[in-house]
Amino acid sequence: MRTEIKASGFWAESRPYSTKGRWDINYSDILSRLIQSCGKYCQSYSSDLFIDWTTIVRELEKGENINETYIFGIRTMGVDHRFFYENRMEHPELFGNPDYHEVWELKVKGDVAEKDIDMYLKLIAN
């Protein structure tokens, strides 16, 4: 199993269907790996992945510099984003023992002036 995946892209000034610039990056390997993890471990609420992924897509569509880190905590009952993951880890007395099968970190760094963007997906716990 690959525990690190990188995707690179570029800043596209305009497209035939839009005059607004945007990030052009093929993140299919990254999203495929997260989908596979959800399919392997989630019994319910695996669609949480797409709720979280929508946030990332919206950030990319803004057409601005981006420097963000996202967390995907894969567990039997769904996918936790960074806030839920950190709270569950910091407060086991409230949530019980964390039951993560895999935890993935996604770093997204894009600079409009440099016209490049990179995504790094890394397994940080299993």
Protein backbone atom coordinates (compact mmCIF):
# COMPACT_ATOMS: atom_id res chain seq x y z
CA MET A 1 0.00 0.00 0.00
CA ARG A 2 1.26 3.45 -0.90
CA THR A 3 1.44 5.64 2.18
CA GLU A 4 2.40 8.85 0.35
CA ILE A 5 0.91 10.23 -2.86
CA LYS A 6 1.77 13.50 -4.57
CA ALA A 7 -0.18 15.41 -7.20
CA SER A 8 1.04 18.54 -8.96
CA GLY A 9 -0.74 21.06 -11.10
CA PHE A 10 -0.66 24.58 -12.39
CA TRP A 11 -2.52 27.86 -12.50
CA ALA A 12 -4.69 28.18 -15.60
CA GLU A 13 -5.38 31.81 -16.48
CA SER A 14 -8.60 31.06 -18.33
CA ARG A 15 -10.54 28.24 -19.92
CA PRO A 16 -12.88 28.10 -22.92
CA TYR A 17 -15.86 28.09 -20.54
CA SER A 18 -14.59 30.76 -18.13
CA THR A 19 -12.48 33.90 -18.06
CA LYS A 20 -11.61 33.40 -14.40
CA GLY A 21 -8.34 31.68 -13.55
CA ARG A 22 -8.34 28.46 -11.56
CA TRP A 23 -6.18 25.64 -10.27
CA ASP A 24 -5.78 22.73 -12.65
CA ILE A 25 -4.65 19.62 -10.78
CA ASN A 26 -5.38 15.93 -11.26
CA TYR A 27 -5.93 14.67 -7.72
CA SER A 28 -7.56 11.38 -8.80
CA ASP A 29 -4.84 9.17 -7.23
CA ILE A 30 -5.26 10.98 -3.91
CA LEU A 31 -9.04 10.79 -3.91
CA SER A 32 -8.95 7.15 -5.08
CA ARG A 33 -6.74 6.20 -2.15
CA LEU A 34 -9.10 7.87 0.33
CA ILE A 35 -12.11 6.16 -1.29
CA GLN A 36 -10.34 2.78 -1.03
CA SER A 37 -9.64 3.36 2.65
CA CYS A 38 -13.28 4.28 3.30
CA GLY A 39 -14.46 1.20 1.38
CA LYS A 40 -12.19 -1.01 3.42
CA TYR A 41 -13.01 0.32 6.90
CA CYS A 42 -16.26 2.32 6.98
CA GLN A 43 -19.46 0.42 7.70
CA SER A 44 -21.54 3.63 7.73
CA TYR A 45 -21.17 7.29 6.82
CA SER A 46 -18.34 6.81 4.33
CA SER A 47 -19.94 9.62 2.34
CA ASP A 48 -18.47 11.98 4.96
CA LEU A 49 -15.37 11.85 2.77
CA PHE A 50 -17.20 13.70 -0.01
CA ILE A 51 -18.60 16.29 2.38
CA ASP A 52 -15.03 17.06 3.46
CA TRP A 53 -13.70 16.88 -0.11
CA THR A 54 -16.26 19.49 -1.20
CA THR A 55 -14.58 21.94 1.17
CA ILE A 56 -11.26 21.36 -0.59
CA VAL A 57 -12.78 21.80 -4.04
CA ARG A 58 -14.41 25.07 -2.96
CA GLU A 59 -11.04 26.36 -1.74
CA LEU A 60 -9.46 25.47 -5.08
CA GLU A 61 -12.26 27.16 -6.99
CA LYS A 62 -11.61 30.47 -5.23
CA GLY A 63 -8.58 30.90 -7.44
CA GLU A 64 -6.36 32.17 -4.65
CA ASN A 65 -3.16 31.13 -2.96
CA ILE A 66 -3.75 28.12 -0.76
CA ASN A 67 -1.73 26.61 2.07
CA GLU A 68 -3.93 24.21 4.01
CA THR A 69 -3.67 20.91 5.84
CA TYR A 70 -6.65 18.57 5.98
CA ILE A 71 -7.14 15.43 8.06
CA PHE A 72 -9.21 12.37 7.16
CA GLY A 73 -9.73 10.10 10.18
CA ILE A 74 -11.11 6.85 8.79
CA ARG A 75 -13.13 4.82 11.27
CA THR A 76 -15.91 2.26 11.22
CA MET A 77 -18.61 4.91 11.62
CA GLY A 78 -17.37 7.43 9.06
CA VAL A 79 -14.67 9.93 8.29
CA ASP A 80 -13.66 12.66 10.69
CA HIS A 81 -12.23 15.96 9.51
CA ARG A 82 -9.46 17.75 11.36
CA PHE A 83 -11.63 19.37 14.05
CA PHE A 84 -13.40 16.14 15.02
CA TYR A 85 -10.19 14.13 14.84
CA GLU A 86 -8.30 16.52 17.13
CA ASN A 87 -11.19 16.67 19.61
CA ARG A 88 -11.53 12.89 19.73
CA MET A 89 -7.78 12.50 20.31
CA GLU A 90 -7.60 15.24 22.95
CA HIS A 91 -10.75 14.21 24.84
CA PRO A 92 -11.12 10.43 24.97
CA GLU A 93 -13.11 10.85 28.19
CA LEU A 94 -15.88 12.46 26.13
CA PHE A 95 -15.74 10.34 22.98
CA GLY A 96 -14.27 7.03 24.15
CA ASN A 97 -11.06 5.56 22.82
CA PRO A 98 -10.32 6.77 19.31
CA ASP A 99 -11.07 3.93 16.91
CA TYR A 100 -9.28 5.11 13.79
CA HIS A 101 -8.24 2.48 11.29
CA GLU A 102 -6.25 4.99 9.24
CA VAL A 103 -5.56 8.70 9.51
CA TRP A 104 -4.49 10.59 6.41
CA GLU A 105 -3.04 14.08 6.19
CA LEU A 106 -3.45 16.10 3.00
CA LYS A 107 -1.30 19.19 2.50
CA VAL A 108 -2.29 21.57 -0.27
CA LYS A 109 0.05 24.36 -1.31
CA GLY A 110 -0.62 26.58 -4.28
CA ASP A 111 0.93 29.90 -5.25
CA VAL A 112 -0.79 31.89 -7.99
CA ALA A 113 2.31 34.01 -8.71
CA GLU A 114 4.47 30.89 -9.09
CA LYS A 115 1.65 29.21 -11.05
CA ASP A 116 2.05 25.87 -9.30
CA ILE A 117 0.14 23.73 -6.84
CA ASP A 118 1.02 20.52 -5.02
CA MET A 119 -0.99 18.09 -2.95
CA TYR A 120 0.67 15.60 -0.62
CA LEU A 121 -1.35 12.79 0.93
CA LYS A 122 0.40 10.94 3.73
CA LEU A 123 -0.70 8.16 6.07
CA ILE A 124 0.04 9.46 9.57
CA ALA A 125 -1.54 6.72 11.69
CA ASN A 126 -2.93 3.21 11.30
